[in-house]
């Protein structure tokens, strides 16, 4: 089992990278075109997968534009629209 574990981890990383590449919106993958990342991950599973995670994966929020800071959740008593509807 110990000898199979590294192979399973590399396979899991490869599958995760490919699924992430296919689901990412066009133009959001960084540094290389999507087809180049797919070839890199397929031909060099460990090195390509690590490279994709570090340098190619889309940043949070997918796509260009400034990131908006996350707002803390508000309760209904802080929401003016909710209070007007009562």
PDB file of N, CA and C in Angstrom:
ATOM      1  N   UNK A   1       0.820  -1.195   0.000  1.00  0.00           N
ATOM      2  CA  UNK A   1       0.000   0.000   0.000  1.00  0.00           C
ATOM      3  C   UNK A   1       0.866   1.262   0.000  1.00  0.00           C
ATOM      4  N   UNK A   2       1.978   1.217   0.713  1.00  0.00           N
ATOM      5  CA  UNK A   2       2.851   2.379   0.801  1.00  0.00           C
ATOM      6  C   UNK A   2       3.462   2.689  -0.566  1.00  0.00           C
ATOM      7  N   UNK A   3       3.706   1.642  -1.364  1.00  0.00           N
ATOM      8  CA  UNK A   3       4.282   1.863  -2.692  1.00  0.00           C
ATOM      9  C   UNK A   3       3.261   2.429  -3.664  1.00  0.00           C
ATOM     10  N   UNK A   4       1.991   2.194  -3.429  1.00  0.00           N
ATOM     11  CA  UNK A   4       0.940   2.671  -4.331  1.00  0.00           C
ATOM     12  C   UNK A   4       0.541   4.111  -4.013  1.00  0.00           C
ATOM     13  N   UNK A   5       0.742   4.547  -2.787  1.00  0.00           N
ATOM     14  CA  UNK A   5       0.299   5.869  -2.352  1.00  0.00           C
ATOM     15  C   UNK A   5       0.875   7.020  -3.183  1.00  0.00           C
ATOM     16  N   UNK A   6       2.172   7.060  -3.473  1.00  0.00           N
ATOM     17  CA  UNK A   6       2.678   8.160  -4.315  1.00  0.00           C
ATOM     18  C   UNK A   6       2.034   8.190  -5.704  1.00  0.00           C
ATOM     19  N   UNK A   7       1.812   7.030  -6.280  1.00  0.00           N
ATOM     20  CA  UNK A   7       1.171   6.971  -7.586  1.00  0.00           C
ATOM     21  C   UNK A   7      -0.251   7.507  -7.518  1.00  0.00           C
ATOM     22  N   UNK A   8      -0.975   7.151  -6.475  1.00  0.00           N
ATOM     23  CA  UNK A   8      -2.344   7.638  -6.320  1.00  0.00           C
ATOM     24  C   UNK A   8      -2.374   9.144  -6.091  1.00  0.00           C
ATOM     25  N   UNK A   9      -1.412   9.667  -5.343  1.00  0.00           N
ATOM     26  CA  UNK A   9      -1.350  11.109  -5.119  1.00  0.00           C
ATOM     27  C   UNK A   9      -1.063  11.873  -6.405  1.00  0.00           C
ATOM     28  N   UNK A  10      -0.155  11.380  -7.213  1.00  0.00           N
ATOM     29  CA  UNK A  10       0.155  12.025  -8.494  1.00  0.00           C
ATOM     30  C   UNK A  10      -1.060  11.942  -9.420  1.00  0.00           C
ATOM     31  N   UNK A  11      -1.734  10.806  -9.435  1.00  0.00           N
ATOM     32  CA  UNK A  11      -2.931  10.659 -10.260  1.00  0.00           C
ATOM     33  C   UNK A  11      -4.029  11.619  -9.798  1.00  0.00           C
ATOM     34  N   UNK A  12      -4.217  11.746  -8.496  1.00  0.00           N
ATOM     35  CA  UNK A  12      -5.225  12.665  -7.961  1.00  0.00           C
ATOM     36  C   UNK A  12      -4.886  14.113  -8.316  1.00  0.00           C
ATOM     37  N   UNK A  13      -3.611  14.488  -8.208  1.00  0.00           N
ATOM     38  CA  UNK A  13      -3.193  15.838  -8.574  1.00  0.00           C
ATOM     39  C   UNK A  13      -3.436  16.106 -10.049  1.00  0.00           C
ATOM     40  N   UNK A  14      -3.126  15.134 -10.902  1.00  0.00           N
ATOM     41  CA  UNK A  14      -3.326  15.286 -12.334  1.00  0.00           C
ATOM     42  C   UNK A  14      -4.801  15.453 -12.668  1.00  0.00           C
ATOM     43  N   UNK A  15      -5.640  14.626 -12.092  1.00  0.00           N
ATOM     44  CA  UNK A  15      -7.078  14.720 -12.358  1.00  0.00           C
ATOM     45  C   UNK A  15      -7.624  16.050 -11.851  1.00  0.00           C
ATOM     46  N   UNK A  16      -7.213  16.466 -10.657  1.00  0.00           N
ATOM     47  CA  UNK A  16      -7.686  17.731 -10.106  1.00  0.00           C
ATOM     48  C   UNK A  16      -7.271  18.904 -11.000  1.00  0.00           C
ATOM     49  N   UNK A  17      -6.035  18.891 -11.490  1.00  0.00           N
ATOM     50  CA  UNK A  17      -5.558  19.966 -12.367  1.00  0.00           C
ATOM     51  C   UNK A  17      -6.343  19.997 -13.677  1.00  0.00           C
ATOM     52  N   UNK A  18      -6.583  18.835 -14.244  1.00  0.00           N
ATOM     53  CA  UNK A  18      -7.323  18.797 -15.509  1.00  0.00           C
ATOM     54  C   UNK A  18      -8.759  19.275 -15.334  1.00  0.00           C
ATOM     55  N   UNK A  19      -9.412  18.870 -14.260  1.00  0.00           N
ATOM     56  CA  UNK A  19     -10.771  19.328 -14.004  1.00  0.00           C
ATOM     57  C   UNK A  19     -10.782  20.836 -13.780  1.00  0.00           C
ATOM     58  N   UNK A  20      -9.818  21.347 -13.041  1.00  0.00           N
ATOM     59  CA  UNK A  20      -9.723  22.780 -12.795  1.00  0.00           C
ATOM     60  C   UNK A  20      -9.495  23.548 -14.098  1.00  0.00           C
ATOM     61  N   UNK A  21      -8.655  23.004 -14.961  1.00  0.00           N
ATOM     62  CA  UNK A  21      -8.397  23.654 -16.249  1.00  0.00           C
ATOM     63  C   UNK A  21      -9.635  23.685 -17.130  1.00  0.00           C
ATOM     64  N   UNK A  22     -10.365  22.602 -17.163  1.00  0.00           N
ATOM     65  CA  UNK A  22     -11.557  22.538 -18.019  1.00  0.00           C
ATOM     66  C   UNK A  22     -12.654  23.464 -17.502  1.00  0.00           C
ATOM     67  N   UNK A  23     -12.778  23.600 -16.195  1.00  0.00           N
ATOM     68  CA  UNK A  23     -13.852  24.406 -15.617  1.00  0.00           C
ATOM     69  C   UNK A  23     -13.527  25.894 -15.548  1.00  0.00           C
ATOM     70  N   UNK A  24     -12.269  26.270 -15.639  1.00  0.00           N
ATOM     71  CA  UNK A  24     -11.888  27.680 -15.535  1.00  0.00           C
ATOM     72  C   UNK A  24     -12.379  28.445 -16.761  1.00  0.00           C
ATOM     73  N   UNK A  25     -12.902  29.657 -16.559  1.00  0.00           N
ATOM     74  CA  UNK A  25     -13.335  30.462 -17.699  1.00  0.00           C
ATOM     75  C   UNK A  25     -12.162  30.796 -18.622  1.00  0.00           C
ATOM     76  N   UNK A  26     -12.467  30.974 -19.883  1.00  0.00           N
ATOM     77  CA  UNK A  26     -11.441  31.285 -20.876  1.00  0.00           C
ATOM     78  C   UNK A  26     -10.747  32.595 -20.508  1.00  0.00           C
ATOM     79  N   UNK A  27      -9.435  32.608 -20.565  1.00  0.00           N
ATOM     80  CA  UNK A  27      -8.671  33.802 -20.270  1.00  0.00           C
ATOM     81  C   UNK A  27      -8.320  33.988 -18.810  1.00  0.00           C
ATOM     82  N   UNK A  28      -8.809  33.123 -17.932  1.00  0.00           N
ATOM     83  CA  UNK A  28      -8.506  33.306 -16.516  1.00  0.00           C
ATOM     84  C   UNK A  28      -7.287  32.506 -16.079  1.00  0.00           C
ATOM     85  N   UNK A  29      -6.847  31.548 -16.888  1.00  0.00           N
ATOM     86  CA  UNK A  29      -5.658  30.757 -16.563  1.00  0.00           C
ATOM     87  C   UNK A  29      -4.436  31.636 -16.815  1.00  0.00           C
ATOM     88  N   UNK A  30      -3.489  31.618 -15.887  1.00  0.00           N
ATOM     89  CA  UNK A  30      -2.351  32.534 -15.959  1.00  0.00           C
ATOM     90  C   UNK A  30      -1.133  31.925 -16.659  1.00  0.00           C
ATOM     91  N   UNK A  31      -0.313  32.765 -17.218  1.00  0.00           N
ATOM     92  CA  UNK A  31       1.041  32.514 -17.724  1.00  0.00           C
ATOM     93  C   UNK A  31       1.151  31.679 -18.991  1.00  0.00           C
ATOM     94  N   UNK A  32       0.251  30.778 -19.271  1.00  0.00           N
ATOM     95  CA  UNK A  32       0.270  29.991 -20.501  1.00  0.00           C
ATOM     96  C   UNK A  32      -1.159  29.821 -20.986  1.00  0.00           C
ATOM     97  N   UNK A  33      -1.336  29.528 -22.274  1.00  0.00           N
ATOM     98  CA  UNK A  33      -2.694  29.212 -22.734  1.00  0.00           C
ATOM     99  C   UNK A  33      -3.181  27.907 -22.102  1.00  0.00           C
ATOM    100  N   UNK A  34      -4.483  27.752 -22.067  1.00  0.00           N
ATOM    101  CA  UNK A  34      -5.077  26.570 -21.433  1.00  0.00           C
ATOM    102  C   UNK A  34      -4.569  25.279 -22.064  1.00  0.00           C
ATOM    103  N   UNK A  35      -4.474  25.215 -23.394  1.00  0.00           N
ATOM    104  CA  UNK A  35      -4.044  23.986 -24.060  1.00  0.00           C
ATOM    105  C   UNK A  35      -2.609  23.614 -23.669  1.00  0.00           C
ATOM    106  N   UNK A  36      -1.761  24.632 -23.444  1.00  0.00           N
ATOM    107  CA  UNK A  36      -0.372  24.355 -23.051  1.00  0.00           C
ATOM    108  C   UNK A  36      -0.322  23.777 -21.640  1.00  0.00           C
ATOM    109  N   UNK A  37      -1.171  24.304 -20.729  1.00  0.00           N
ATOM    110  CA  UNK A  37      -1.213  23.743 -19.378  1.00  0.00           C
ATOM    111  C   UNK A  37      -1.708  22.300 -19.407  1.00  0.00           C
ATOM    112  N   UNK A  38      -2.703  22.010 -20.239  1.00  0.00           N
ATOM    113  CA  UNK A  38      -3.227  20.648 -20.324  1.00  0.00           C
ATOM    114  C   UNK A  38      -2.134  19.692 -20.802  1.00  0.00           C
ATOM    115  N   UNK A  39      -1.399  20.095 -21.840  1.00  0.00           N
ATOM    116  CA  UNK A  39      -0.308  19.244 -22.336  1.00  0.00           C
ATOM    117  C   UNK A  39       0.783  19.073 -21.275  1.00  0.00           C
ATOM    118  N   UNK A  40       1.113  20.147 -20.584  1.00  0.00           N
ATOM    119  CA  UNK A  40       2.131  20.076 -19.544  1.00  0.00           C
ATOM    120  C   UNK A  40       1.724  19.127 -18.421  1.00  0.00           C
ATOM    121  N   UNK A  41       0.461  19.212 -18.004  1.00  0.00           N
ATOM    122  CA  UNK A  41      -0.020  18.345 -16.922  1.00  0.00           C
ATOM    123  C   UNK A  41      -0.093  16.892 -17.382  1.00  0.00           C
ATOM    124  N   UNK A  42      -0.468  16.664 -18.633  1.00  0.00           N
ATOM    125  CA  UNK A  42      -0.572  15.287 -19.131  1.00  0.00           C
ATOM    126  C   UNK A  42       0.792  14.635 -19.359  1.00  0.00           C
ATOM    127  N   UNK A  43       1.751  15.383 -19.921  1.00  0.00           N
ATOM    128  CA  UNK A  43       3.050  14.798 -20.245  1.00  0.00           C
ATOM    129  C   UNK A  43       4.006  14.743 -19.056  1.00  0.00           C
ATOM    130  N   UNK A  44       3.854  15.668 -18.113  1.00  0.00           N
ATOM    131  CA  UNK A  44       4.701  15.707 -16.917  1.00  0.00           C
ATOM    132  C   UNK A  44       3.785  15.821 -15.695  1.00  0.00           C
ATOM    133  N   UNK A  45       3.162  14.725 -15.284  1.00  0.00           N
ATOM    134  CA  UNK A  45       2.102  14.803 -14.270  1.00  0.00           C
ATOM    135  C   UNK A  45       2.514  15.479 -12.968  1.00  0.00           C
ATOM    136  N   UNK A  46       3.621  15.106 -12.379  1.00  0.00           N
ATOM    137  CA  UNK A  46       3.985  15.694 -11.089  1.00  0.00           C
ATOM    138  C   UNK A  46       4.477  17.134 -11.256  1.00  0.00           C
ATOM    139  N   UNK A  47       5.454  17.339 -12.121  1.00  0.00           N
ATOM    140  CA  UNK A  47       6.009  18.679 -12.309  1.00  0.00           C
ATOM    141  C   UNK A  47       4.972  19.621 -12.922  1.00  0.00           C
ATOM    142  N   UNK A  48       4.207  19.133 -13.889  1.00  0.00           N
ATOM    143  CA  UNK A  48       3.183  19.968 -14.519  1.00  0.00           C
ATOM    144  C   UNK A  48       2.075  20.336 -13.556  1.00  0.00           C
ATOM    145  N   UNK A  49       1.664  19.391 -12.720  1.00  0.00           N
ATOM    146  CA  UNK A  49       0.623  19.671 -11.736  1.00  0.00           C
ATOM    147  C   UNK A  49       1.065  20.688 -10.709  1.00  0.00           C
ATOM    148  N   UNK A  50       2.283  20.540 -10.224  1.00  0.00           N
ATOM    149  CA  UNK A  50       2.807  21.496  -9.245  1.00  0.00           C
ATOM    150  C   UNK A  50       2.972  22.876  -9.885  1.00  0.00           C
ATOM    151  N   UNK A  51       3.461  22.909 -11.115  1.00  0.00           N
ATOM    152  CA  UNK A  51       3.628  24.188 -11.809  1.00  0.00           C
ATOM    153  C   UNK A  51       2.275  24.868 -12.030  1.00  0.00           C
ATOM    154  N   UNK A  52       1.262  24.096 -12.390  1.00  0.00           N
ATOM    155  CA  UNK A  52      -0.066  24.675 -12.603  1.00  0.00           C
ATOM    156  C   UNK A  52      -0.618  25.255 -11.306  1.00  0.00           C
ATOM    157  N   UNK A  53      -0.474  24.528 -10.216  1.00  0.00           N
ATOM    158  CA  UNK A  53      -0.996  25.010  -8.934  1.00  0.00           C
ATOM    159  C   UNK A  53      -0.280  26.300  -8.521  1.00  0.00           C
ATOM    160  N   UNK A  54       1.018  26.371  -8.731  1.00  0.00           N
ATOM    161  CA  UNK A  54       1.783  27.539  -8.298  1.00  0.00           C
ATOM    162  C   UNK A  54       1.699  28.709  -9.269  1.00  0.00           C
ATOM    163  N   UNK A  55       1.677  28.445 -10.582  1.00  0.00           N
ATOM    164  CA  UNK A  55       1.818  29.542 -11.537  1.00  0.00           C
ATOM    165  C   UNK A  55       0.676  29.686 -12.532  1.00  0.00           C
ATOM    166  N   UNK A  56      -0.220  28.716 -12.627  1.00  0.00           N
ATOM    167  CA  UNK A  56      -1.210  28.802 -13.677  1.00  0.00           C
ATOM    168  C   UNK A  56      -2.641  28.889 -13.214  1.00  0.00           C
ATOM    169  N   UNK A  57      -2.910  28.439 -12.004  1.00  0.00           N
ATOM    170  CA  UNK A  57      -4.282  28.399 -11.524  1.00  0.00           C
ATOM    171  C   UNK A  57      -4.857  29.799 -11.454  1.00  0.00           C
ATOM    172  N   UNK A  58      -6.114  29.970 -11.860  1.00  0.00           N
ATOM    173  CA  UNK A  58      -6.731  31.304 -11.796  1.00  0.00           C
ATOM    174  C   UNK A  58      -6.790  31.807 -10.366  1.00  0.00           C
ATOM    175  N   UNK A  59      -6.664  33.108 -10.233  1.00  0.00           N
ATOM    176  CA  UNK A  59      -6.767  33.704  -8.904  1.00  0.00           C
ATOM    177  C   UNK A  59      -8.228  33.707  -8.479  1.00  0.00           C
ATOM    178  N   UNK A  60      -8.466  33.927  -7.226  1.00  0.00           N
ATOM    179  CA  UNK A  60      -9.826  33.907  -6.684  1.00  0.00           C
ATOM    180  C   UNK A  60     -10.699  34.922  -7.407  1.00  0.00           C
ATOM    181  N   UNK A  61     -11.897  34.532  -7.716  1.00  0.00           N
ATOM    182  CA  UNK A  61     -12.831  35.429  -8.375  1.00  0.00           C
ATOM    183  C   UNK A  61     -12.816  35.292  -9.887  1.00  0.00           C
ATOM    184  N   UNK A  62     -11.867  34.563 -10.483  1.00  0.00           N
ATOM    185  CA  UNK A  62     -11.776  34.362 -11.919  1.00  0.00           C
ATOM    186  C   UNK A  62     -11.976  35.643 -12.703  1.00  0.00           C
ATOM    187  N   UNK A  63     -11.028  35.980 -13.480  1.00  0.00           N
ATOM    188  CA  UNK A  63     -11.187  37.088 -14.401  1.00  0.00           C
ATOM    189  C   UNK A  63     -10.499  38.354 -13.941  1.00  0.00           C
ATOM    190  N   UNK A  64     -10.388  39.298 -14.887  1.00  0.00           N
ATOM    191  CA  UNK A  64      -9.706  40.545 -14.575  1.00  0.00           C
ATOM    192  C   UNK A  64     -10.576  41.447 -13.707  1.00  0.00           C
ATOM    193  N   UNK A  65      -9.954  42.461 -13.194  1.00  0.00           N
ATOM    194  CA  UNK A  65     -10.689  43.424 -12.385  1.00  0.00           C
ATOM    195  C   UNK A  65     -10.219  43.396 -10.957  1.00  0.00           C
ATOM    196  N   UNK A  66     -10.521  44.471 -10.253  1.00  0.00           N
ATOM    197  CA  UNK A  66     -10.077  44.526  -8.858  1.00  0.00           C
ATOM    198  C   UNK A  66     -10.868  43.566  -7.994  1.00  0.00           C
ATOM    199  N   UNK A  67     -10.214  43.097  -6.979  1.00  0.00           N
ATOM    200  CA  UNK A  67     -10.889  42.221  -6.024  1.00  0.00           C
ATOM    201  C   UNK A  67     -11.648  43.073  -5.018  1.00  0.00           C
ATOM    202  N   UNK A  68     -12.833  42.660  -4.734  1.00  0.00           N
ATOM    203  CA  UNK A  68     -13.611  43.356  -3.723  1.00  0.00           C
ATOM    204  C   UNK A  68     -13.364  42.690  -2.377  1.00  0.00           C
ATOM    205  N   UNK A  69     -13.144  43.497  -1.351  1.00  0.00           N
ATOM    206  CA  UNK A  69     -12.965  42.876  -0.037  1.00  0.00           C
ATOM    207  C   UNK A  69     -14.267  42.240   0.428  1.00  0.00           C
ATOM    208  N   UNK A  70     -14.122  41.139   1.106  1.00  0.00           N
ATOM    209  CA  UNK A  70     -15.312  40.456   1.605  1.00  0.00           C
ATOM    210  C   UNK A  70     -15.912  41.254   2.753  1.00  0.00           C
ATOM    211  N   UNK A  71     -17.226  41.367   2.714  1.00  0.00           N
ATOM    212  CA  UNK A  71     -17.910  42.073   3.784  1.00  0.00           C
ATOM    213  C   UNK A  71     -18.364  41.064   4.824  1.00  0.00           C
ATOM    214  N   UNK A  72     -18.344  41.520   6.052  1.00  0.00           N
ATOM    215  CA  UNK A  72     -18.813  40.657   7.133  1.00  0.00           C
ATOM    216  C   UNK A  72     -20.317  40.446   6.988  1.00  0.00           C
ATOM    217  N   UNK A  73     -20.811  39.277   7.334  1.00  0.00           N
ATOM    218  CA  UNK A  73     -22.251  39.048   7.224  1.00  0.00           C
ATOM    219  C   UNK A  73     -23.020  40.011   8.123  1.00  0.00           C
ATOM    220  N   UNK A  74     -24.149  40.460   7.589  1.00  0.00           N
ATOM    221  CA  UNK A  74     -24.967  41.400   8.337  1.00  0.00           C
ATOM    222  C   UNK A  74     -26.256  40.722   8.767  1.00  0.00           C
ATOM    223  N   UNK A  75     -26.738  41.091   9.930  1.00  0.00           N
ATOM    224  CA  UNK A  75     -28.004  40.573  10.410  1.00  0.00           C
ATOM    225  C   UNK A  75     -29.154  41.355   9.797  1.00  0.00           C
ATOM    226  N   UNK A  76     -30.374  40.835   9.893  1.00  0.00           N
ATOM    227  CA  UNK A  76     -31.511  41.524   9.287  1.00  0.00           C
ATOM    228  C   UNK A  76     -31.775  42.891   9.916  1.00  0.00           C
ATOM    229  N   UNK A  77     -31.394  43.091  11.161  1.00  0.00           N
ATOM    230  CA  UNK A  77     -31.635  44.389  11.778  1.00  0.00           C
ATOM    231  C   UNK A  77     -30.652  45.455  11.293  1.00  0.00           C
ATOM    232  N   UNK A  78     -29.582  45.055  10.584  1.00  0.00           N
ATOM    233  CA  UNK A  78     -28.630  46.008  10.011  1.00  0.00           C
ATOM    234  C   UNK A  78     -28.935  46.312   8.550  1.00  0.00           C
ATOM    235  N   UNK A  79     -29.855  45.587   7.951  1.00  0.00           N
ATOM    236  CA  UNK A  79     -30.170  45.747   6.546  1.00  0.00           C
ATOM    237  C   UNK A  79     -31.346  46.719   6.393  1.00  0.00           C
ATOM    238  N   UNK A  80     -31.044  47.901   5.819  1.00  0.00           N
ATOM    239  CA  UNK A  80     -32.071  48.937   5.703  1.00  0.00           C
ATOM    240  C   UNK A  80     -33.221  48.502   4.788  1.00  0.00           C
ATOM    241  N   UNK A  81     -32.900  47.811   3.706  1.00  0.00           N
ATOM    242  CA  UNK A  81     -33.959  47.372   2.793  1.00  0.00           C
ATOM    243  C   UNK A  81     -34.912  46.403   3.485  1.00  0.00           C
ATOM    244  N   UNK A  82     -34.379  45.511   4.279  1.00  0.00           N
ATOM    245  CA  UNK A  82     -35.214  44.564   5.003  1.00  0.00           C
ATOM    246  C   UNK A  82     -36.121  45.294   5.991  1.00  0.00           C
ATOM    247  N   UNK A  83     -35.555  46.261   6.701  1.00  0.00           N
ATOM    248  CA  UNK A  83     -36.336  46.994   7.682  1.00  0.00           C
ATOM    249  C   UNK A  83     -37.442  47.835   7.029  1.00  0.00           C
ATOM    250  N   UNK A  84     -37.183  48.384   5.830  1.00  0.00           N
ATOM    251  CA  UNK A  84     -38.207  49.153   5.123  1.00  0.00           C
ATOM    252  C   UNK A  84     -39.360  48.268   4.679  1.00  0.00           C
ATOM    253  N   UNK A  85     -39.063  47.009   4.430  1.00  0.00           N
ATOM    254  CA  UNK A  85     -40.111  46.097   3.970  1.00  0.00           C
ATOM    255  C   UNK A  85     -41.005  45.580   5.072  1.00  0.00           C
ATOM    256  N   UNK A  86     -40.702  45.871   6.307  1.00  0.00           N
ATOM    257  CA  UNK A  86     -41.538  45.392   7.413  1.00  0.00           C
ATOM    258  C   UNK A  86     -42.787  46.200   7.596  1.00  0.00           C
TER     259      UNK A  86
END
